[in-house]
Amino acid sequence: MIALLSGGGNDLWRHIEGTATAPVLYQLANRVPVLADAKMAAMEEQIETKESRIIEFGKREYLAQHIILSTTLAHLGSK
């Protein structure tokens, strides 16, 4: 399990510690996703990459919760 928590692409420590930052979707301007400068429209590839990161973040959050709940006592997990 230590390898799962510390392995490069599977780094879950920030999720377990609660310090992971969730990625957010692009802001919309006139119903068009725009970059942080709010002027340039986001390209389709950028939007897909951002959505993939959001999905991956959710998976890691779920996995971190599962690890915590499966390795603690039941009455602690309910807290």
N, C-alpha and C. Protein backbone atom coordinates (compact mmCIF):
# COMPACT_ATOMS: atom_id res chain seq x y z
N MET A 1 0.82 -1.19 0.00
CA MET A 1 0.00 0.00 0.00
C MET A 1 0.86 1.26 0.00
N ILE A 2 2.02 1.21 0.63
CA ILE A 2 2.92 2.37 0.64
C ILE A 2 3.30 2.75 -0.78
N ALA A 3 3.56 1.76 -1.64
CA ALA A 3 3.92 2.05 -3.03
C ALA A 3 2.77 2.75 -3.75
N LEU A 4 1.55 2.36 -3.46
CA LEU A 4 0.39 2.99 -4.08
C LEU A 4 0.29 4.46 -3.68
N LEU A 5 0.59 4.75 -2.43
CA LEU A 5 0.46 6.12 -1.94
C LEU A 5 1.59 7.03 -2.39
N SER A 6 2.77 6.47 -2.63
CA SER A 6 3.90 7.33 -2.95
C SER A 6 4.39 7.18 -4.39
N GLY A 7 3.80 6.29 -5.17
CA GLY A 7 4.23 6.10 -6.54
C GLY A 7 3.89 7.30 -7.40
N GLY A 8 4.80 7.78 -8.22
CA GLY A 8 4.68 8.98 -9.04
C GLY A 8 3.28 9.35 -9.47
N GLY A 9 2.69 8.60 -10.41
CA GLY A 9 1.38 8.95 -10.91
C GLY A 9 0.25 8.65 -9.95
N ASN A 10 0.51 7.87 -8.94
CA ASN A 10 -0.53 7.49 -7.98
C ASN A 10 -0.38 8.21 -6.66
N ASP A 11 0.18 9.36 -6.67
CA ASP A 11 0.42 10.10 -5.44
C ASP A 11 -0.90 10.52 -4.82
N LEU A 12 -1.25 9.91 -3.71
CA LEU A 12 -2.52 10.20 -3.04
C LEU A 12 -2.35 10.96 -1.73
N TRP A 13 -1.12 11.21 -1.34
CA TRP A 13 -0.90 11.82 -0.03
C TRP A 13 -1.64 13.14 0.14
N ARG A 14 -1.62 13.98 -0.89
CA ARG A 14 -2.30 15.27 -0.75
C ARG A 14 -3.81 15.08 -0.59
N HIS A 15 -4.35 14.07 -1.22
CA HIS A 15 -5.78 13.79 -1.07
C HIS A 15 -6.07 13.26 0.33
N ILE A 16 -5.21 12.38 0.82
CA ILE A 16 -5.40 11.82 2.15
C ILE A 16 -5.25 12.91 3.22
N GLU A 17 -4.29 13.79 3.03
CA GLU A 17 -4.06 14.88 3.99
C GLU A 17 -5.08 16.00 3.83
N GLY A 18 -5.81 16.02 2.74
CA GLY A 18 -6.80 17.07 2.51
C GLY A 18 -6.22 18.35 1.94
N THR A 19 -5.02 18.27 1.36
CA THR A 19 -4.38 19.47 0.82
C THR A 19 -4.39 19.53 -0.71
N ALA A 20 -5.00 18.55 -1.35
CA ALA A 20 -5.06 18.54 -2.82
C ALA A 20 -6.01 19.64 -3.29
N THR A 21 -5.64 20.31 -4.36
CA THR A 21 -6.46 21.38 -4.91
C THR A 21 -7.23 20.85 -6.11
N ALA A 22 -8.53 21.02 -6.05
CA ALA A 22 -9.38 20.53 -7.14
C ALA A 22 -9.27 21.44 -8.36
N PRO A 23 -9.10 20.85 -9.54
CA PRO A 23 -9.10 21.68 -10.75
C PRO A 23 -10.53 22.16 -11.02
N VAL A 24 -10.65 23.31 -11.64
CA VAL A 24 -11.97 23.86 -11.95
C VAL A 24 -12.10 24.05 -13.45
N LEU A 25 -13.33 24.04 -13.92
CA LEU A 25 -13.59 24.25 -15.34
C LEU A 25 -13.24 25.68 -15.72
N TYR A 26 -13.09 25.89 -17.01
CA TYR A 26 -12.82 27.23 -17.51
C TYR A 26 -14.04 28.13 -17.28
N GLN A 27 -13.80 29.41 -17.10
CA GLN A 27 -14.87 30.39 -17.00
C GLN A 27 -15.51 30.53 -18.38
N LEU A 28 -16.77 30.95 -18.38
CA LEU A 28 -17.47 31.14 -19.65
C LEU A 28 -17.63 32.63 -19.93
N ALA A 29 -17.40 33.01 -21.15
CA ALA A 29 -17.66 34.37 -21.62
C ALA A 29 -18.50 34.23 -22.89
N ASN A 30 -19.72 34.70 -22.82
CA ASN A 30 -20.65 34.53 -23.95
C ASN A 30 -20.81 33.07 -24.33
N ARG A 31 -20.89 32.23 -23.31
CA ARG A 31 -21.07 30.77 -23.47
C ARG A 31 -19.88 30.07 -24.12
N VAL A 32 -18.73 30.71 -24.11
CA VAL A 32 -17.51 30.13 -24.68
C VAL A 32 -16.48 30.01 -23.55
N PRO A 33 -15.92 28.80 -23.34
CA PRO A 33 -14.88 28.66 -22.32
C PRO A 33 -13.66 29.52 -22.67
N VAL A 34 -13.18 30.29 -21.69
CA VAL A 34 -12.04 31.17 -21.92
C VAL A 34 -10.93 30.84 -20.94
N LEU A 35 -9.71 31.19 -21.33
CA LEU A 35 -8.54 30.99 -20.48
C LEU A 35 -8.56 31.97 -19.32
N ALA A 36 -7.59 31.89 -18.44
CA ALA A 36 -7.55 32.71 -17.24
C ALA A 36 -7.58 34.20 -17.54
N ASP A 37 -7.05 34.61 -18.69
CA ASP A 37 -7.05 36.04 -19.01
C ASP A 37 -8.43 36.54 -19.44
N ALA A 38 -9.40 35.63 -19.58
CA ALA A 38 -10.79 35.93 -19.95
C ALA A 38 -10.90 36.58 -21.32
N LYS A 39 -9.88 36.47 -22.15
CA LYS A 39 -9.91 37.04 -23.49
C LYS A 39 -9.82 35.97 -24.57
N MET A 40 -8.92 35.01 -24.36
CA MET A 40 -8.69 33.97 -25.37
C MET A 40 -9.59 32.77 -25.09
N ALA A 41 -10.23 32.28 -26.14
CA ALA A 41 -11.06 31.09 -26.01
C ALA A 41 -10.18 29.87 -25.80
N ALA A 42 -10.63 28.97 -24.96
CA ALA A 42 -9.90 27.73 -24.74
C ALA A 42 -10.09 26.81 -25.94
N MET A 43 -9.02 26.16 -26.33
CA MET A 43 -9.08 25.22 -27.45
C MET A 43 -9.72 23.92 -26.98
N GLU A 44 -10.28 23.16 -27.92
CA GLU A 44 -10.94 21.90 -27.59
C GLU A 44 -10.01 20.95 -26.83
N GLU A 45 -8.76 20.89 -27.24
CA GLU A 45 -7.79 20.02 -26.56
C GLU A 45 -7.57 20.46 -25.11
N GLN A 46 -7.53 21.76 -24.88
CA GLN A 46 -7.36 22.29 -23.53
C GLN A 46 -8.57 21.94 -22.66
N ILE A 47 -9.75 22.05 -23.23
CA ILE A 47 -10.97 21.73 -22.49
C ILE A 47 -10.99 20.25 -22.13
N GLU A 48 -10.65 19.39 -23.08
CA GLU A 48 -10.63 17.96 -22.82
C GLU A 48 -9.59 17.60 -21.77
N THR A 49 -8.42 18.24 -21.82
CA THR A 49 -7.38 17.99 -20.82
C THR A 49 -7.87 18.40 -19.44
N LYS A 50 -8.50 19.56 -19.35
CA LYS A 50 -9.02 20.04 -18.06
C LYS A 50 -10.08 19.08 -17.52
N GLU A 51 -10.98 18.62 -18.39
CA GLU A 51 -12.01 17.68 -17.97
C GLU A 51 -11.41 16.36 -17.50
N SER A 52 -10.36 15.91 -18.17
CA SER A 52 -9.67 14.68 -17.75
C SER A 52 -9.05 14.85 -16.38
N ARG A 53 -8.47 16.01 -16.12
CA ARG A 53 -7.87 16.28 -14.82
C ARG A 53 -8.93 16.31 -13.72
N ILE A 54 -10.09 16.85 -14.02
CA ILE A 54 -11.17 16.90 -13.05
C ILE A 54 -11.66 15.49 -12.73
N ILE A 55 -11.80 14.67 -13.75
CA ILE A 55 -12.22 13.28 -13.55
C ILE A 55 -11.17 12.52 -12.74
N GLU A 56 -9.90 12.69 -13.08
CA GLU A 56 -8.81 12.02 -12.36
C GLU A 56 -8.77 12.46 -10.90
N PHE A 57 -9.00 13.73 -10.66
CA PHE A 57 -9.04 14.24 -9.29
C PHE A 57 -10.14 13.55 -8.50
N GLY A 58 -11.31 13.43 -9.10
CA GLY A 58 -12.43 12.76 -8.43
C GLY A 58 -12.12 11.31 -8.10
N LYS A 59 -11.46 10.63 -9.03
CA LYS A 59 -11.08 9.24 -8.79
C LYS A 59 -10.10 9.13 -7.62
N ARG A 60 -9.13 10.04 -7.59
CA ARG A 60 -8.15 10.00 -6.51
C ARG A 60 -8.78 10.35 -5.17
N GLU A 61 -9.72 11.29 -5.17
CA GLU A 61 -10.43 11.63 -3.93
C GLU A 61 -11.17 10.40 -3.41
N TYR A 62 -11.88 9.72 -4.30
CA TYR A 62 -12.62 8.54 -3.92
C TYR A 62 -11.68 7.45 -3.39
N LEU A 63 -10.57 7.23 -4.09
CA LEU A 63 -9.61 6.21 -3.66
C LEU A 63 -9.02 6.56 -2.30
N ALA A 64 -8.70 7.81 -2.09
CA ALA A 64 -8.15 8.23 -0.79
C ALA A 64 -9.17 7.98 0.32
N GLN A 65 -10.43 8.32 0.06
CA GLN A 65 -11.47 8.07 1.06
C GLN A 65 -11.61 6.57 1.33
N HIS A 66 -11.56 5.78 0.27
CA HIS A 66 -11.67 4.33 0.43
C HIS A 66 -10.51 3.79 1.28
N ILE A 67 -9.31 4.26 1.02
CA ILE A 67 -8.14 3.80 1.79
C ILE A 67 -8.30 4.19 3.25
N ILE A 68 -8.71 5.42 3.50
CA ILE A 68 -8.88 5.87 4.89
C ILE A 68 -9.95 5.04 5.59
N LEU A 69 -11.09 4.85 4.95
CA LEU A 69 -12.18 4.12 5.58
C LEU A 69 -11.87 2.63 5.76
N SER A 70 -11.08 2.07 4.86
CA SER A 70 -10.78 0.64 4.98
C SER A 70 -9.61 0.36 5.92
N THR A 71 -8.91 1.38 6.35
CA THR A 71 -7.77 1.16 7.24
C THR A 71 -7.99 1.76 8.64
N THR A 72 -9.19 2.25 8.90
CA THR A 72 -9.50 2.77 10.23
C THR A 72 -10.66 1.98 10.82
N LEU A 73 -10.86 2.14 12.10
CA LEU A 73 -11.99 1.49 12.76
C LEU A 73 -13.29 2.08 12.26
N ALA A 74 -14.33 1.28 12.24
CA ALA A 74 -15.63 1.71 11.70
C ALA A 74 -16.17 2.95 12.39
N HIS A 75 -16.05 3.03 13.71
CA HIS A 75 -16.61 4.20 14.41
C HIS A 75 -15.80 5.47 14.12
N LEU A 76 -14.52 5.34 13.76
CA LEU A 76 -13.74 6.50 13.37
C LEU A 76 -14.07 6.93 11.95
N GLY A 77 -14.35 5.96 11.09
CA GLY A 77 -14.69 6.27 9.71
C GLY A 77 -15.98 7.04 9.57
N SER A 78 -16.90 6.86 10.51
CA SER A 78 -18.16 7.58 10.44
C SER A 78 -18.01 9.04 10.81
N LYS A 79 -16.89 9.38 11.44
CA LYS A 79 -16.64 10.78 11.80
C LYS A 79 -16.03 11.48 10.64
